[in-house]
Amino acid sequence: MRVPSNRVSAPTAVDSTRSTLVALTNAVGLDGLAAASHLPGLRAAVDQHAAAVRESLHGDRRPLTAATLAGYAEGIRSVAEEHGWQPPTDPVYWPEADWVLVRLLAVCALSASLDTPTPQPPVP
């Protein structure tokens, strides 16, 4: 018989990835993607940034996965903060969102696309 351990397990890479993407989605993704659905200019910018993120990951020979997107987003935030960028503390006015926010929003859009199940052919 196995006795349950009282130890708290260390977070896994999957937990870290999920945590990063959930935090990003809560911080910018929910409001930003809702705004993009009503603002064609923002939607176009998000699409362009998403294409650039895909290209960057492809150029580095990294697949488009939740883990690579989480790492990419952390890298963008880290470099931006090193250059003085601060995450917004007030609601974002999306028509005038800065480059960093639109790039992070693109990561959210790509992450959401990963959650879409791939259609499977019918079983005969």
N, C-alpha and C. Protein backbone atom coordinates (compact mmCIF):
# COMPACT_ATOMS: atom_id res chain seq x y z
N MET A 1 0.85 -1.18 0.00
CA MET A 1 0.00 0.00 0.00
C MET A 1 0.89 1.24 0.00
N ARG A 2 0.55 2.16 -0.87
CA ARG A 2 1.35 3.38 -0.97
C ARG A 2 0.76 4.45 -0.06
N VAL A 3 1.63 5.08 0.72
CA VAL A 3 1.20 6.13 1.64
C VAL A 3 1.34 7.47 0.92
N PRO A 4 0.27 8.28 0.94
CA PRO A 4 0.36 9.58 0.27
C PRO A 4 1.43 10.45 0.91
N SER A 5 2.13 11.16 0.08
CA SER A 5 3.17 12.06 0.55
C SER A 5 2.58 13.43 0.84
N ASN A 6 3.10 14.10 1.84
CA ASN A 6 2.68 15.46 2.16
C ASN A 6 3.53 16.49 1.42
N ARG A 7 4.48 16.01 0.63
CA ARG A 7 5.34 16.91 -0.10
C ARG A 7 4.56 17.60 -1.23
N VAL A 8 4.89 18.85 -1.44
CA VAL A 8 4.32 19.58 -2.56
C VAL A 8 5.27 19.37 -3.73
N SER A 9 4.74 18.90 -4.84
CA SER A 9 5.61 18.63 -5.97
C SER A 9 6.04 19.94 -6.63
N ALA A 10 7.23 19.91 -7.18
CA ALA A 10 7.76 21.08 -7.87
C ALA A 10 6.98 21.29 -9.16
N PRO A 11 6.82 22.55 -9.55
CA PRO A 11 6.11 22.81 -10.80
C PRO A 11 6.87 22.19 -11.98
N THR A 12 6.12 21.67 -12.91
CA THR A 12 6.71 21.08 -14.10
C THR A 12 6.82 22.13 -15.19
N ALA A 13 7.50 21.77 -16.27
CA ALA A 13 7.59 22.67 -17.42
C ALA A 13 6.20 22.95 -17.99
N VAL A 14 5.35 21.94 -17.98
CA VAL A 14 3.98 22.12 -18.47
C VAL A 14 3.24 23.11 -17.59
N ASP A 15 3.41 22.99 -16.27
CA ASP A 15 2.78 23.94 -15.35
C ASP A 15 3.27 25.36 -15.61
N SER A 16 4.57 25.51 -15.82
CA SER A 16 5.16 26.82 -16.07
C SER A 16 4.63 27.42 -17.37
N THR A 17 4.58 26.59 -18.41
CA THR A 17 4.06 27.03 -19.70
C THR A 17 2.62 27.48 -19.56
N ARG A 18 1.82 26.64 -18.93
CA ARG A 18 0.40 26.96 -18.75
C ARG A 18 0.25 28.25 -17.95
N SER A 19 1.00 28.39 -16.89
CA SER A 19 0.93 29.57 -16.05
C SER A 19 1.28 30.84 -16.83
N THR A 20 2.34 30.77 -17.63
CA THR A 20 2.75 31.92 -18.43
C THR A 20 1.67 32.32 -19.41
N LEU A 21 1.13 31.35 -20.13
CA LEU A 21 0.11 31.66 -21.15
C LEU A 21 -1.20 32.11 -20.53
N VAL A 22 -1.58 31.54 -19.40
CA VAL A 22 -2.81 31.98 -18.73
C VAL A 22 -2.64 33.42 -18.23
N ALA A 23 -1.50 33.71 -17.63
CA ALA A 23 -1.26 35.07 -17.13
C ALA A 23 -1.26 36.07 -18.29
N LEU A 24 -0.63 35.70 -19.39
CA LEU A 24 -0.60 36.59 -20.55
C LEU A 24 -2.00 36.80 -21.12
N THR A 25 -2.76 35.72 -21.22
CA THR A 25 -4.12 35.82 -21.74
C THR A 25 -4.98 36.70 -20.83
N ASN A 26 -4.83 36.54 -19.53
CA ASN A 26 -5.60 37.36 -18.59
C ASN A 26 -5.18 38.82 -18.64
N ALA A 27 -3.88 39.06 -18.83
CA ALA A 27 -3.38 40.43 -18.82
C ALA A 27 -3.72 41.19 -20.10
N VAL A 28 -3.56 40.55 -21.26
CA VAL A 28 -3.80 41.28 -22.51
C VAL A 28 -4.70 40.54 -23.50
N GLY A 29 -4.70 39.24 -23.46
CA GLY A 29 -5.38 38.45 -24.49
C GLY A 29 -6.88 38.60 -24.52
N LEU A 30 -7.53 38.51 -23.39
CA LEU A 30 -8.99 38.55 -23.38
C LEU A 30 -9.52 39.86 -23.93
N ASP A 31 -9.06 40.97 -23.36
CA ASP A 31 -9.53 42.29 -23.80
C ASP A 31 -9.01 42.62 -25.20
N GLY A 32 -7.75 42.28 -25.47
CA GLY A 32 -7.16 42.62 -26.75
C GLY A 32 -7.80 41.88 -27.91
N LEU A 33 -8.04 40.59 -27.75
CA LEU A 33 -8.66 39.83 -28.83
C LEU A 33 -10.11 40.25 -29.03
N ALA A 34 -10.79 40.62 -27.94
CA ALA A 34 -12.16 41.14 -28.08
C ALA A 34 -12.12 42.47 -28.84
N ALA A 35 -11.16 43.33 -28.53
CA ALA A 35 -11.04 44.60 -29.24
C ALA A 35 -10.70 44.37 -30.71
N ALA A 36 -9.81 43.41 -30.99
CA ALA A 36 -9.41 43.13 -32.37
C ALA A 36 -10.59 42.64 -33.21
N SER A 37 -11.56 42.01 -32.57
CA SER A 37 -12.71 41.54 -33.34
C SER A 37 -13.58 42.70 -33.82
N HIS A 38 -13.41 43.89 -33.21
CA HIS A 38 -14.19 45.08 -33.59
C HIS A 38 -13.35 46.15 -34.28
N LEU A 39 -12.03 45.99 -34.24
CA LEU A 39 -11.14 46.99 -34.82
C LEU A 39 -10.31 46.36 -35.93
N PRO A 40 -10.70 46.55 -37.19
CA PRO A 40 -9.99 45.90 -38.29
C PRO A 40 -8.50 46.22 -38.32
N GLY A 41 -8.12 47.44 -37.98
CA GLY A 41 -6.71 47.81 -37.97
C GLY A 41 -5.91 47.02 -36.94
N LEU A 42 -6.49 46.85 -35.77
CA LEU A 42 -5.82 46.06 -34.73
C LEU A 42 -5.75 44.61 -35.16
N ARG A 43 -6.83 44.10 -35.73
CA ARG A 43 -6.84 42.69 -36.19
C ARG A 43 -5.74 42.46 -37.22
N ALA A 44 -5.59 43.41 -38.15
CA ALA A 44 -4.55 43.28 -39.17
C ALA A 44 -3.16 43.32 -38.54
N ALA A 45 -2.98 44.20 -37.56
CA ALA A 45 -1.68 44.28 -36.87
C ALA A 45 -1.38 42.99 -36.12
N VAL A 46 -2.39 42.44 -35.46
CA VAL A 46 -2.21 41.16 -34.74
C VAL A 46 -1.84 40.06 -35.72
N ASP A 47 -2.52 40.02 -36.85
CA ASP A 47 -2.22 39.00 -37.87
C ASP A 47 -0.79 39.14 -38.37
N GLN A 48 -0.33 40.38 -38.61
CA GLN A 48 1.04 40.61 -39.07
C GLN A 48 2.05 40.18 -38.01
N HIS A 49 1.77 40.52 -36.76
CA HIS A 49 2.67 40.13 -35.67
C HIS A 49 2.69 38.61 -35.50
N ALA A 50 1.53 37.98 -35.64
CA ALA A 50 1.47 36.52 -35.52
C ALA A 50 2.31 35.86 -36.62
N ALA A 51 2.24 36.40 -37.82
CA ALA A 51 3.06 35.87 -38.91
C ALA A 51 4.54 36.04 -38.60
N ALA A 52 4.91 37.17 -38.02
CA ALA A 52 6.31 37.41 -37.67
C ALA A 52 6.77 36.46 -36.55
N VAL A 53 5.91 36.19 -35.60
CA VAL A 53 6.25 35.25 -34.53
C VAL A 53 6.46 33.86 -35.12
N ARG A 54 5.53 33.43 -35.98
CA ARG A 54 5.67 32.12 -36.64
C ARG A 54 6.99 32.04 -37.40
N GLU A 55 7.29 33.09 -38.15
CA GLU A 55 8.52 33.12 -38.94
C GLU A 55 9.75 33.06 -38.04
N SER A 56 9.72 33.79 -36.94
CA SER A 56 10.84 33.79 -36.01
C SER A 56 11.07 32.40 -35.43
N LEU A 57 10.00 31.75 -35.01
CA LEU A 57 10.13 30.41 -34.44
C LEU A 57 10.58 29.42 -35.52
N HIS A 58 10.04 29.56 -36.72
CA HIS A 58 10.42 28.67 -37.82
C HIS A 58 11.90 28.86 -38.16
N GLY A 59 12.34 30.12 -38.20
CA GLY A 59 13.74 30.41 -38.50
C GLY A 59 14.70 29.83 -37.46
N ASP A 60 14.23 29.75 -36.23
CA ASP A 60 15.02 29.14 -35.16
C ASP A 60 14.81 27.63 -35.08
N ARG A 61 14.05 27.11 -36.04
CA ARG A 61 13.73 25.68 -36.12
C ARG A 61 13.03 25.16 -34.86
N ARG A 62 12.16 26.04 -34.33
CA ARG A 62 11.36 25.65 -33.18
C ARG A 62 9.91 25.50 -33.64
N PRO A 63 9.24 24.44 -33.23
CA PRO A 63 7.84 24.26 -33.62
C PRO A 63 6.94 25.25 -32.88
N LEU A 64 5.78 25.47 -33.45
CA LEU A 64 4.80 26.34 -32.82
C LEU A 64 4.05 25.52 -31.77
N THR A 65 4.49 25.63 -30.53
CA THR A 65 3.87 24.91 -29.42
C THR A 65 3.60 25.89 -28.29
N ALA A 66 2.84 25.43 -27.31
CA ALA A 66 2.58 26.26 -26.13
C ALA A 66 3.89 26.64 -25.45
N ALA A 67 4.81 25.70 -25.35
CA ALA A 67 6.09 25.96 -24.68
C ALA A 67 6.91 27.01 -25.43
N THR A 68 6.97 26.91 -26.75
CA THR A 68 7.76 27.90 -27.50
C THR A 68 7.09 29.27 -27.45
N LEU A 69 5.77 29.30 -27.48
CA LEU A 69 5.07 30.59 -27.38
C LEU A 69 5.27 31.22 -26.02
N ALA A 70 5.22 30.42 -24.96
CA ALA A 70 5.44 30.95 -23.61
C ALA A 70 6.86 31.51 -23.49
N GLY A 71 7.83 30.78 -23.99
CA GLY A 71 9.21 31.26 -23.95
C GLY A 71 9.40 32.52 -24.77
N TYR A 72 8.78 32.57 -25.94
CA TYR A 72 8.86 33.74 -26.79
C TYR A 72 8.27 34.96 -26.07
N ALA A 73 7.10 34.78 -25.48
CA ALA A 73 6.44 35.90 -24.77
C ALA A 73 7.30 36.38 -23.60
N GLU A 74 7.87 35.44 -22.85
CA GLU A 74 8.73 35.84 -21.73
C GLU A 74 9.95 36.61 -22.23
N GLY A 75 10.50 36.18 -23.36
CA GLY A 75 11.64 36.88 -23.93
C GLY A 75 11.29 38.29 -24.37
N ILE A 76 10.16 38.45 -25.02
CA ILE A 76 9.71 39.78 -25.46
C ILE A 76 9.53 40.70 -24.26
N ARG A 77 8.85 40.21 -23.24
CA ARG A 77 8.62 41.04 -22.04
C ARG A 77 9.92 41.41 -21.37
N SER A 78 10.81 40.45 -21.25
CA SER A 78 12.08 40.69 -20.58
C SER A 78 12.90 41.76 -21.30
N VAL A 79 13.04 41.62 -22.61
CA VAL A 79 13.81 42.61 -23.38
C VAL A 79 13.13 43.97 -23.34
N ALA A 80 11.81 43.98 -23.46
CA ALA A 80 11.08 45.26 -23.43
C ALA A 80 11.27 45.95 -22.08
N GLU A 81 11.20 45.18 -21.00
CA GLU A 81 11.38 45.77 -19.67
C GLU A 81 12.80 46.27 -19.47
N GLU A 82 13.79 45.58 -20.06
CA GLU A 82 15.18 46.06 -20.00
C GLU A 82 15.33 47.41 -20.68
N HIS A 83 14.45 47.69 -21.64
CA HIS A 83 14.49 48.95 -22.37
C HIS A 83 13.47 49.95 -21.85
N GLY A 84 12.95 49.72 -20.67
CA GLY A 84 12.08 50.69 -20.02
C GLY A 84 10.59 50.50 -20.19
N TRP A 85 10.18 49.48 -20.94
CA TRP A 85 8.74 49.24 -21.12
C TRP A 85 8.16 48.71 -19.81
N GLN A 86 6.98 49.18 -19.49
CA GLN A 86 6.26 48.69 -18.31
C GLN A 86 4.90 48.16 -18.73
N PRO A 87 4.50 47.02 -18.17
CA PRO A 87 3.16 46.52 -18.47
C PRO A 87 2.12 47.54 -18.02
N PRO A 88 1.04 47.65 -18.75
CA PRO A 88 0.01 48.63 -18.38
C PRO A 88 -0.63 48.28 -17.04
N THR A 89 -0.94 49.32 -16.30
CA THR A 89 -1.65 49.13 -15.03
C THR A 89 -3.12 49.52 -15.17
N ASP A 90 -3.42 50.27 -16.22
CA ASP A 90 -4.79 50.68 -16.51
C ASP A 90 -5.28 49.90 -17.73
N PRO A 91 -6.59 49.91 -17.97
CA PRO A 91 -7.08 49.25 -19.19
C PRO A 91 -6.39 49.83 -20.43
N VAL A 92 -6.10 48.97 -21.37
CA VAL A 92 -5.40 49.37 -22.59
C VAL A 92 -6.39 50.00 -23.57
N TYR A 93 -5.98 51.09 -24.18
CA TYR A 93 -6.73 51.68 -25.28
C TYR A 93 -6.17 51.04 -26.54
N TRP A 94 -6.80 49.96 -26.99
CA TRP A 94 -6.25 49.11 -28.03
C TRP A 94 -5.99 49.77 -29.37
N PRO A 95 -6.77 50.78 -29.78
CA PRO A 95 -6.43 51.42 -31.06
C PRO A 95 -5.03 52.06 -31.06
N GLU A 96 -4.49 52.33 -29.88
CA GLU A 96 -3.16 52.95 -29.79
C GLU A 96 -2.17 52.08 -29.02
N ALA A 97 -2.39 50.78 -29.03
CA ALA A 97 -1.51 49.86 -28.30
C ALA A 97 -0.10 49.91 -28.89
N ASP A 98 0.91 49.81 -28.01
CA ASP A 98 2.28 49.84 -28.49
C ASP A 98 2.69 48.49 -29.09
N TRP A 99 3.86 48.48 -29.70
CA TRP A 99 4.38 47.30 -30.40
C TRP A 99 4.42 46.08 -29.49
N VAL A 100 4.89 46.26 -28.27
CA VAL A 100 5.04 45.13 -27.35
C VAL A 100 3.68 44.51 -27.05
N LEU A 101 2.68 45.33 -26.77
CA LEU A 101 1.35 44.79 -26.47
C LEU A 101 0.75 44.06 -27.66
N VAL A 102 0.94 44.61 -28.86
CA VAL A 102 0.39 43.93 -30.05
C VAL A 102 1.13 42.62 -30.28
N ARG A 103 2.44 42.60 -30.05
CA ARG A 103 3.20 41.35 -30.22
C ARG A 103 2.72 40.32 -29.21
N LEU A 104 2.54 40.72 -27.96
CA LEU A 104 2.05 39.78 -26.93
C LEU A 104 0.63 39.33 -27.25
N LEU A 105 -0.17 40.22 -27.80
CA LEU A 105 -1.52 39.85 -28.20
C LEU A 105 -1.48 38.82 -29.32
N ALA A 106 -0.53 38.96 -30.22
CA ALA A 106 -0.36 37.97 -31.29
C ALA A 106 0.01 36.61 -30.71
N VAL A 107 0.83 36.59 -29.68
CA VAL A 107 1.17 35.32 -29.01
C VAL A 107 -0.10 34.71 -28.42
N CYS A 108 -0.95 35.53 -27.83
CA CYS A 108 -2.22 35.03 -27.29
C CYS A 108 -3.08 34.43 -28.40
N ALA A 109 -3.15 35.10 -29.55
CA ALA A 109 -3.94 34.60 -30.68
C ALA A 109 -3.39 33.26 -31.16
N LEU A 110 -2.07 33.17 -31.27
CA LEU A 110 -1.46 31.90 -31.69
C LEU A 110 -1.70 30.81 -30.67
N SER A 111 -1.61 31.16 -29.40
CA SER A 111 -1.85 30.18 -28.34
C SER A 111 -3.28 29.67 -28.40
N ALA A 112 -4.22 30.57 -28.63
CA ALA A 112 -5.62 30.17 -28.72
C ALA A 112 -5.83 29.24 -29.91
N SER A 113 -5.08 29.48 -30.99
CA SER A 113 -5.24 28.62 -32.17
C SER A 113 -4.72 27.21 -31.91
N LEU A 114 -3.81 27.06 -30.97
CA LEU A 114 -3.30 25.72 -30.63
C LEU A 114 -4.35 24.89 -29.90
N ASP A 115 -5.29 25.56 -29.25
CA ASP A 115 -6.32 24.86 -28.48
C ASP A 115 -7.43 24.33 -29.37
N THR A 116 -7.42 24.71 -30.64
CA THR A 116 -8.45 24.25 -31.57
C THR A 116 -8.12 22.84 -31.99
N PRO A 117 -9.01 21.89 -31.75
CA PRO A 117 -8.71 20.53 -32.14
C PRO A 117 -8.58 20.41 -33.66
N THR A 118 -7.66 19.59 -34.09
CA THR A 118 -7.49 19.33 -35.50
C THR A 118 -8.60 18.42 -35.99
N PRO A 119 -9.28 18.80 -37.08
CA PRO A 119 -10.36 17.94 -37.59
C PRO A 119 -9.81 16.57 -37.98
N GLN A 120 -10.52 15.56 -37.63
CA GLN A 120 -10.13 14.18 -37.95
C GLN A 120 -11.09 13.62 -38.98
N PRO A 121 -10.57 12.80 -39.92
CA PRO A 121 -11.49 12.21 -40.89
C PRO A 121 -12.43 11.24 -40.19
N PRO A 122 -13.62 11.08 -40.74
CA PRO A 122 -14.57 10.15 -40.11
C PRO A 122 -14.04 8.72 -40.18
N VAL A 123 -14.36 7.97 -39.17
CA VAL A 123 -13.97 6.57 -39.11
C VAL A 123 -15.00 5.76 -39.88
N PRO A 124 -14.54 4.93 -40.87
CA PRO A 124 -15.51 4.15 -41.66
C PRO A 124 -16.21 3.09 -40.84
